[in-house]
Amino acid sequence: MNKFSFLYLIIITICFSACNPNRSQEGTNSSSINNSDSAYIEIKYAQGFKVTYLDNYKLVDIQDPQGESETIYRYALVNRGQSHERIPQDYTIIETPVRSLICMTTLQLSNFIKLGVLDKVVGMTSTNFLFNEEMKERIKTGKASQIGIEGNFDKEIIMALDPDVVLVSPFKRGGYEVIKDLNIPLITFLGYKETSSLGQAEWLKFVGMLLGTEEQANHKFVEIEKKYNELKALSESVTNKPIVLSGEMRSGNWYVVGGKSYLAEQFRDAGAEYFLKDNQETGGVNLDFESVYSQGANADFWRLLVSHTGDYSYEVLKASDARYADFKAFKEKKVVYCNLRQKPFYENAPVEPEVVLADLIKAFHPELLPDHKPVYYELLK
């Protein structure tokens, strides 16, 4: 190469570099940020929140993923001690990393268990069916406290805890006015309303942003996603897809979730079909017994979440309603159940969808996972 060609190459390189400066965070949505930076959050499945990276803060918009409410909850996550200038006025400012917080549900708590950051949780509601030993010990030793139940919070305890934020579920019973008076930021957490299993688990990333542990949250989610999709691919090979009934009679109604819910998706991913697969609802549906019987009496399997003291059995199930014995799944002993009094389903399952999926595949297609030992769901004996 002669000296003129070499000089020309240098000039071209400089011009190219000038036209392609390093990426700017200003106005950049998380989905377009360089994925090689493991501290950035990219949303792939969750529909309930989105993230926008700006100068020295992040804007997070949270909205009901099931579309039952159009309210948007807006938060600006700012590094502790940095300027609050230029933040839009309709965003609640949250200084991060959050040092302490209160969880209102075990579904929220599951994210902190998964990330190993229970030391940040200083308060929670009822602990009647709390399984996690670390959280039990924190409450026993006074490092965390019970704050009452939704609609009946203990204002004095909350004031004494002095948390940075409180995670709330605005579509539940509430009673948050008491907390609002304390000027503690309330952060809406809607992971439980996601319509996909991986979407629900992806709220780990939101918790990671609050605590400044984005890299850890990203790593955990990648592991979950990989295992889940591997199991999903495994079940896609089946040709026989059993029909699955879900729910039971409560207070005169049979409560089920719709055909577009995360549970219906789990059944599909496990190589089965939901008995209401043509239903378009993403949330809960109340049906009378006759409606369920006409559509689900011949279902191959019956999935149940029960809260029963002692051993559960077909006799116990029949005793709650004699009509249950008429269902095909009852007659053929294909009830798939989880006893909430014996297993930490709500504490762990939201962030372990791959484990739940393995349980369901084991029940529906045991030949696919011969060595899997059920963790949450198992066939009722």
Protein backbone atom coordinates (compact mmCIF):
# COMPACT_ATOMS: atom_id res chain seq x y z
CA MET A 1 0.00 0.00 0.00
CA ASN A 2 1.49 3.40 -1.03
CA LYS A 3 1.45 6.39 1.31
CA PHE A 4 -1.46 8.04 -0.54
CA SER A 5 -3.66 4.95 -0.16
CA PHE A 6 -2.73 4.69 3.52
CA LEU A 7 -3.61 8.37 4.09
CA TYR A 8 -6.91 7.92 2.29
CA LEU A 9 -7.77 4.92 4.52
CA ILE A 10 -7.09 6.98 7.66
CA ILE A 11 -9.34 9.81 6.46
CA ILE A 12 -12.20 7.40 5.65
CA THR A 13 -11.88 5.76 9.09
CA ILE A 14 -12.05 9.13 10.87
CA CYS A 15 -15.12 10.17 8.87
CA PHE A 16 -16.88 6.89 9.58
CA SER A 17 -16.21 7.23 13.29
CA ALA A 18 -17.54 10.78 13.32
CA CYS A 19 -20.77 9.65 11.69
CA ASN A 20 -21.22 6.83 14.22
CA PRO A 21 -20.62 8.23 17.71
CA ASN A 22 -21.06 6.15 20.83
CA ARG A 23 -24.68 5.47 21.61
CA SER A 24 -26.52 8.10 23.62
CA GLN A 25 -28.99 7.13 26.34
CA GLU A 26 -31.12 10.24 25.76
CA GLY A 27 -34.62 9.15 24.80
CA THR A 28 -33.55 5.56 24.23
CA ASN A 29 -35.96 2.74 25.02
CA SER A 30 -34.36 -0.21 26.79
CA SER A 31 -35.12 -2.54 23.91
CA SER A 32 -32.74 -0.63 21.61
CA ILE A 33 -29.78 -0.43 23.99
CA ASN A 34 -26.63 -2.42 23.33
CA ASN A 35 -27.34 -5.87 24.71
CA SER A 36 -23.65 -6.44 25.52
CA ASP A 37 -24.09 -4.18 28.55
CA SER A 38 -25.52 -6.63 31.08
CA ALA A 39 -26.68 -3.85 33.41
CA TYR A 40 -29.30 -2.63 30.96
CA ILE A 41 -32.83 -3.95 31.05
CA GLU A 42 -34.43 -5.31 27.89
CA ILE A 43 -38.07 -6.34 28.11
CA LYS A 44 -38.98 -9.37 25.99
CA TYR A 45 -42.17 -10.84 27.44
CA ALA A 46 -43.66 -8.59 30.13
CA GLN A 47 -46.49 -6.36 28.94
CA GLY A 48 -47.01 -4.51 32.21
CA PHE A 49 -43.97 -2.22 32.25
CA LYS A 50 -41.59 -0.50 29.92
CA VAL A 51 -38.33 1.31 30.53
CA THR A 52 -36.83 4.40 28.91
CA TYR A 53 -33.22 5.35 29.62
CA LEU A 54 -32.41 9.06 29.75
CA ASP A 55 -29.48 11.18 30.98
CA ASN A 56 -29.01 10.04 34.56
CA TYR A 57 -32.31 8.35 35.26
CA LYS A 58 -34.80 5.79 33.96
CA LEU A 59 -38.49 6.33 33.30
CA VAL A 60 -40.69 3.32 34.05
CA ASP A 61 -44.31 3.18 32.88
CA ILE A 62 -46.50 0.51 34.47
CA GLN A 63 -49.94 -0.44 33.15
CA ASP A 64 -52.34 -3.35 33.61
CA PRO A 65 -51.18 -6.00 31.10
CA GLN A 66 -54.68 -7.44 30.99
CA GLY A 67 -56.11 -4.10 29.87
CA GLU A 68 -58.75 -3.93 32.60
CA SER A 69 -57.52 -0.46 33.57
CA GLU A 70 -56.06 2.30 31.44
CA THR A 71 -54.26 3.95 34.36
CA ILE A 72 -50.53 4.39 33.80
CA TYR A 73 -48.26 4.51 36.84
CA ARG A 74 -45.13 6.52 36.14
CA TYR A 75 -41.85 6.35 38.05
CA ALA A 76 -38.47 8.00 37.54
CA LEU A 77 -35.63 5.93 38.94
CA VAL A 78 -32.77 8.25 39.85
CA ASN A 79 -29.40 7.27 41.26
CA ARG A 80 -29.30 8.30 44.89
CA GLY A 81 -27.82 11.75 45.35
CA GLN A 82 -28.07 12.79 41.71
CA SER A 83 -30.01 15.76 40.35
CA HIS A 84 -33.77 15.55 39.84
CA GLU A 85 -33.75 18.20 37.13
CA ARG A 86 -35.47 17.56 33.80
CA ILE A 87 -37.62 14.76 35.18
CA PRO A 88 -41.22 15.07 33.92
CA GLN A 89 -43.56 16.32 36.64
CA ASP A 90 -46.02 13.44 36.26
CA TYR A 91 -43.39 10.89 37.33
CA THR A 92 -42.92 9.84 40.95
CA ILE A 93 -39.23 10.08 41.80
CA ILE A 94 -37.69 6.96 43.32
CA GLU A 95 -34.08 7.17 44.46
CA THR A 96 -32.15 4.00 43.74
CA PRO A 97 -30.83 1.71 44.88
CA VAL A 98 -33.81 1.25 47.21
CA ARG A 99 -32.48 0.45 50.69
CA SER A 100 -35.62 -0.96 52.30
CA LEU A 101 -39.19 -1.72 51.26
CA ILE A 102 -42.45 -3.39 52.18
CA CYS A 103 -44.04 -6.23 50.17
CA MET A 104 -47.81 -6.61 50.19
CA THR A 105 -47.99 -10.13 48.72
CA THR A 106 -45.96 -13.31 48.60
CA LEU A 107 -46.06 -13.00 44.80
CA GLN A 108 -43.97 -9.85 45.19
CA LEU A 109 -41.79 -11.51 47.80
CA SER A 110 -40.91 -14.29 45.35
CA ASN A 111 -38.75 -11.88 43.37
CA PHE A 112 -36.66 -10.99 46.41
CA ILE A 113 -36.29 -14.64 47.35
CA LYS A 114 -35.08 -15.46 43.84
CA LEU A 115 -32.54 -12.64 43.82
CA GLY A 116 -31.33 -13.43 47.34
CA VAL A 117 -32.11 -9.92 48.61
CA LEU A 118 -34.57 -10.53 51.44
CA ASP A 119 -32.46 -8.21 53.60
CA LYS A 120 -34.15 -5.34 51.73
CA VAL A 121 -37.65 -6.45 52.82
CA VAL A 122 -38.47 -4.86 56.18
CA GLY A 123 -42.21 -5.46 56.19
CA MET A 124 -44.93 -7.67 54.74
CA THR A 125 -48.56 -8.54 55.32
CA SER A 126 -49.87 -11.79 56.83
CA THR A 127 -47.30 -14.53 57.40
CA ASN A 128 -49.79 -17.33 58.19
CA PHE A 129 -48.53 -19.51 55.33
CA LEU A 130 -45.00 -18.16 55.00
CA PHE A 131 -42.52 -20.94 54.13
CA ASN A 132 -39.25 -19.10 53.58
CA GLU A 133 -37.01 -19.71 56.59
CA GLU A 134 -34.90 -16.60 56.07
CA MET A 135 -37.93 -14.33 56.06
CA LYS A 136 -39.35 -16.10 59.09
CA GLU A 137 -36.10 -15.48 60.93
CA ARG A 138 -36.07 -11.81 59.92
CA ILE A 139 -39.52 -11.36 61.41
CA LYS A 140 -38.66 -13.38 64.51
CA THR A 141 -35.57 -11.27 65.22
CA GLY A 142 -37.28 -7.95 64.48
CA LYS A 143 -35.40 -7.21 61.27
CA ALA A 144 -38.77 -7.24 59.51
CA SER A 145 -42.34 -6.84 60.74
CA GLN A 146 -45.90 -7.75 59.87
CA ILE A 147 -47.86 -4.63 58.95
CA GLY A 148 -51.38 -6.09 59.05
CA ILE A 149 -53.49 -7.07 56.07
CA GLU A 150 -54.86 -5.18 53.08
CA GLY A 151 -57.50 -2.76 54.24
CA ASN A 152 -56.27 -2.89 57.83
CA PHE A 153 -52.66 -1.77 57.93
CA ASP A 154 -50.87 -0.79 61.14
CA LYS A 155 -49.81 2.81 60.53
CA GLU A 156 -47.52 2.93 63.56
CA ILE A 157 -45.53 -0.13 62.50
CA ILE A 158 -45.09 1.22 58.98
CA MET A 159 -43.86 4.56 60.33
CA ALA A 160 -41.35 2.77 62.56
CA LEU A 161 -40.05 0.70 59.64
CA ASP A 162 -39.55 3.87 57.57
CA PRO A 163 -39.22 2.06 54.22
CA ASP A 164 -38.01 3.81 51.08
CA VAL A 165 -40.98 2.41 49.10
CA VAL A 166 -43.99 0.12 49.40
CA LEU A 167 -44.94 -2.31 46.63
CA VAL A 168 -48.72 -2.37 46.17
CA SER A 169 -51.37 -4.16 44.11
CA PRO A 170 -53.91 -1.42 43.32
CA PHE A 171 -56.59 -3.80 42.04
CA LYS A 172 -56.88 -5.66 45.33
CA ARG A 173 -58.70 -4.58 48.49
CA GLY A 174 -56.29 -1.73 49.02
CA GLY A 175 -56.59 0.50 52.04
CA TYR A 176 -53.51 2.33 50.86
CA GLU A 177 -54.82 5.75 51.90
CA VAL A 178 -53.29 5.16 55.33
CA ILE A 179 -49.87 4.69 53.75
CA LYS A 180 -50.28 7.62 51.35
CA ASP A 181 -50.63 9.91 54.35
CA LEU A 182 -47.14 8.85 55.44
CA ASN A 183 -45.57 10.24 52.24
CA ILE A 184 -43.96 6.91 51.41
CA PRO A 185 -43.80 6.26 47.64
CA LEU A 186 -46.16 3.51 46.57
CA ILE A 187 -44.95 1.47 43.60
CA THR A 188 -47.52 -0.50 41.63
CA PHE A 189 -46.41 -4.09 41.05
CA LEU A 190 -48.46 -5.95 38.45
CA GLY A 191 -46.41 -9.06 37.73
CA TYR A 192 -49.31 -11.24 38.80
CA LYS A 193 -51.45 -9.83 35.97
CA GLU A 194 -49.11 -10.83 33.16
CA THR A 195 -50.63 -13.18 30.60
CA SER A 196 -47.50 -15.28 30.06
CA SER A 197 -45.31 -17.21 32.47
CA LEU A 198 -42.10 -15.63 31.25
CA GLY A 199 -43.75 -12.21 31.36
CA GLN A 200 -44.56 -12.72 35.02
CA ALA A 201 -41.04 -13.90 35.79
CA GLU A 202 -39.54 -10.95 33.91
CA TRP A 203 -40.61 -8.63 36.72
CA LEU A 204 -37.38 -9.80 38.30
CA LYS A 205 -35.78 -7.14 36.11
CA PHE A 206 -38.02 -4.45 37.57
CA VAL A 207 -36.93 -5.43 41.07
CA GLY A 208 -33.35 -5.43 39.82
CA MET A 209 -33.74 -1.82 38.69
CA LEU A 210 -35.12 -0.80 42.07
CA LEU A 211 -32.24 -2.41 43.93
CA GLY A 212 -29.46 -1.64 41.48
CA THR A 213 -28.94 -5.34 40.75
CA GLU A 214 -29.87 -5.32 37.07
CA GLU A 215 -27.00 -7.58 36.05
CA GLN A 216 -27.99 -10.24 38.55
CA ALA A 217 -31.67 -10.01 37.54
CA ASN A 218 -30.78 -10.32 33.86
CA HIS A 219 -28.63 -13.36 34.57
CA LYS A 220 -31.35 -15.07 36.59
CA PHE A 221 -33.95 -14.42 33.92
CA VAL A 222 -31.76 -15.75 31.12
CA GLU A 223 -31.46 -19.02 33.06
CA ILE A 224 -35.23 -19.18 33.56
CA GLU A 225 -35.97 -18.37 29.93
CA LYS A 226 -33.51 -20.95 28.59
CA LYS A 227 -34.88 -23.80 30.69
CA TYR A 228 -38.50 -22.86 30.03
CA ASN A 229 -38.05 -22.72 26.27
CA GLU A 230 -36.15 -26.01 26.24
CA LEU A 231 -39.05 -27.70 28.05
CA LYS A 232 -41.57 -26.02 25.76
CA ALA A 233 -39.69 -27.34 22.71
CA LEU A 234 -39.65 -30.81 24.24
CA SER A 235 -43.44 -30.88 24.64
CA GLU A 236 -44.00 -29.65 21.09
CA SER A 237 -43.12 -33.12 19.86
CA VAL A 238 -46.26 -34.71 21.31
CA THR A 239 -49.17 -35.53 19.04
CA ASN A 240 -51.69 -36.37 21.75
CA LYS A 241 -52.66 -33.21 23.60
CA PRO A 242 -54.95 -33.89 26.57
CA ILE A 243 -57.68 -31.47 27.61
CA VAL A 244 -57.22 -29.88 31.04
CA LEU A 245 -59.99 -28.66 33.33
CA SER A 246 -59.12 -26.14 36.05
CA GLY A 247 -60.69 -24.66 39.19
CA GLU A 248 -63.51 -25.70 41.51
CA MET A 249 -66.76 -24.50 43.04
CA ARG A 250 -66.46 -21.65 45.53
CA SER A 251 -69.41 -19.77 47.03
CA GLY A 252 -71.74 -21.06 44.35
CA ASN A 253 -69.49 -20.25 41.39
CA TRP A 254 -66.74 -22.09 39.56
CA TYR A 255 -63.84 -19.66 39.27
CA VAL A 256 -61.62 -20.21 36.24
CA VAL A 257 -59.16 -18.15 34.25
CA GLY A 258 -59.74 -17.28 30.63
CA GLY A 259 -58.36 -18.90 27.53
CA LYS A 260 -55.80 -16.13 27.02
CA SER A 261 -54.40 -16.33 30.56
CA TYR A 262 -50.91 -17.34 31.62
CA LEU A 263 -52.31 -20.64 32.97
CA ALA A 264 -53.84 -21.53 29.62
CA GLU A 265 -50.47 -20.76 28.05
CA GLN A 266 -48.71 -23.03 30.55
CA PHE A 267 -51.00 -25.89 29.58
CA ARG A 268 -50.25 -25.32 25.89
CA ASP A 269 -46.52 -25.16 26.56
CA ALA A 270 -46.80 -28.42 28.48
CA GLY A 271 -48.34 -30.19 25.48
CA ALA A 272 -51.99 -29.93 26.51
CA GLU A 273 -55.08 -27.85 25.73
CA TYR A 274 -57.13 -25.79 28.14
CA PHE A 275 -60.82 -26.71 28.29
CA LEU A 276 -61.69 -23.03 27.64
CA LYS A 277 -59.10 -22.59 24.92
CA ASP A 278 -61.50 -20.59 22.73
CA ASN A 279 -62.30 -18.13 25.51
CA GLN A 280 -60.75 -14.68 24.90
CA GLU A 281 -60.47 -13.52 28.53
CA THR A 282 -57.05 -12.96 30.13
CA GLY A 283 -58.30 -12.74 33.70
CA GLY A 284 -60.73 -14.64 35.89
CA VAL A 285 -64.15 -15.89 34.85
CA ASN A 286 -67.01 -17.07 37.08
CA LEU A 287 -69.14 -19.89 35.66
CA ASP A 288 -72.00 -21.96 37.08
CA PHE A 289 -71.57 -25.69 37.56
CA GLU A 290 -73.66 -26.60 34.53
CA SER A 291 -71.51 -24.48 32.21
CA VAL A 292 -68.31 -26.06 33.48
CA TYR A 293 -69.76 -29.55 33.34
CA SER A 294 -70.90 -29.16 29.75
CA GLN A 295 -67.40 -28.07 28.68
CA GLY A 296 -65.13 -29.89 31.09
CA ALA A 297 -66.76 -33.11 32.24
CA ASN A 298 -64.79 -35.11 29.68
CA ALA A 299 -61.46 -33.31 30.20
CA ASP A 300 -58.53 -35.71 30.52
CA PHE A 301 -56.93 -33.90 33.46
CA TRP A 302 -58.13 -31.60 36.22
CA ARG A 303 -55.76 -29.03 37.71
CA LEU A 304 -56.41 -27.84 41.27
CA LEU A 305 -54.86 -25.45 43.78
CA VAL A 306 -56.11 -26.47 47.22
CA SER A 307 -55.51 -25.26 50.75
CA HIS A 308 -56.05 -28.34 52.87
CA THR A 309 -54.67 -29.27 56.28
CA GLY A 310 -53.30 -32.81 56.18
CA ASP A 311 -53.23 -35.20 53.26
CA TYR A 312 -55.47 -34.42 50.31
CA SER A 313 -57.33 -37.24 48.56
CA TYR A 314 -60.10 -38.07 46.12
CA GLU A 315 -62.33 -38.70 49.10
CA VAL A 316 -61.68 -35.20 50.41
CA LEU A 317 -62.35 -33.74 46.96
CA LYS A 318 -65.61 -35.64 46.61
CA ALA A 319 -66.71 -34.64 50.10
CA SER A 320 -66.55 -30.97 49.09
CA ASP A 321 -69.01 -31.60 46.24
CA ALA A 322 -70.36 -35.02 45.33
CA ARG A 323 -70.84 -33.95 41.70
CA TYR A 324 -67.07 -33.91 41.21
CA ALA A 325 -67.12 -37.70 41.02
CA ASP A 326 -68.91 -37.44 37.66
CA PHE A 327 -65.92 -35.86 35.95
CA LYS A 328 -63.77 -38.06 33.75
CA ALA A 329 -60.53 -36.83 35.33
CA PHE A 330 -61.85 -37.79 38.77
CA LYS A 331 -62.93 -41.25 37.63
CA GLU A 332 -59.60 -41.95 35.92
CA LYS A 333 -57.52 -40.52 38.81
CA LYS A 334 -55.97 -37.74 36.77
CA VAL A 335 -56.32 -34.80 39.12
CA VAL A 336 -53.16 -32.65 39.14
CA TYR A 337 -52.97 -30.67 42.35
CA CYS A 338 -50.84 -28.42 44.55
CA ASN A 339 -51.60 -28.08 48.25
CA LEU A 340 -50.83 -24.50 49.21
CA ARG A 341 -50.48 -25.42 52.88
CA GLN A 342 -47.65 -27.79 52.11
CA LYS A 343 -45.79 -26.14 49.23
CA PRO A 344 -44.51 -22.56 48.76
CA PHE A 345 -46.33 -22.12 45.46
CA TYR A 346 -46.98 -18.37 45.67
CA GLU A 347 -43.58 -17.68 47.23
CA ASN A 348 -41.59 -19.32 44.45
CA ALA A 349 -43.65 -20.34 41.42
CA PRO A 350 -43.98 -16.83 39.86
CA VAL A 351 -40.22 -16.78 39.29
CA GLU A 352 -39.86 -20.51 38.65
CA PRO A 353 -42.14 -21.03 35.64
CA GLU A 354 -39.71 -23.58 34.24
CA VAL A 355 -40.22 -25.74 37.34
CA VAL A 356 -43.99 -25.43 37.11
CA LEU A 357 -43.83 -26.33 33.42
CA ALA A 358 -41.73 -29.41 34.19
CA ASP A 359 -44.31 -30.50 36.77
CA LEU A 360 -47.13 -30.17 34.25
CA ILE A 361 -45.23 -32.03 31.53
CA LYS A 362 -44.47 -34.78 34.04
CA ALA A 363 -48.20 -35.10 34.75
CA PHE A 364 -49.46 -34.88 31.15
CA HIS A 365 -46.59 -36.67 29.38
CA PRO A 366 -44.51 -38.56 31.97
CA GLU A 367 -42.45 -40.27 29.28
CA LEU A 368 -40.89 -36.92 28.34
CA LEU A 369 -39.42 -36.31 31.80
CA PRO A 370 -39.02 -39.73 33.41
CA ASP A 371 -36.55 -38.52 36.06
CA HIS A 372 -38.34 -35.32 37.09
CA LYS A 373 -39.58 -35.18 40.68
CA PRO A 374 -42.62 -32.90 41.08
CA VAL A 375 -42.01 -29.72 43.05
CA TYR A 376 -45.42 -28.01 43.06
CA TYR A 377 -47.93 -29.98 40.97
CA GLU A 378 -48.33 -33.73 41.16
CA LEU A 379 -50.93 -36.37 40.36
CA LEU A 380 -53.33 -36.96 43.22
CA LYS A 381 -53.08 -40.52 44.50
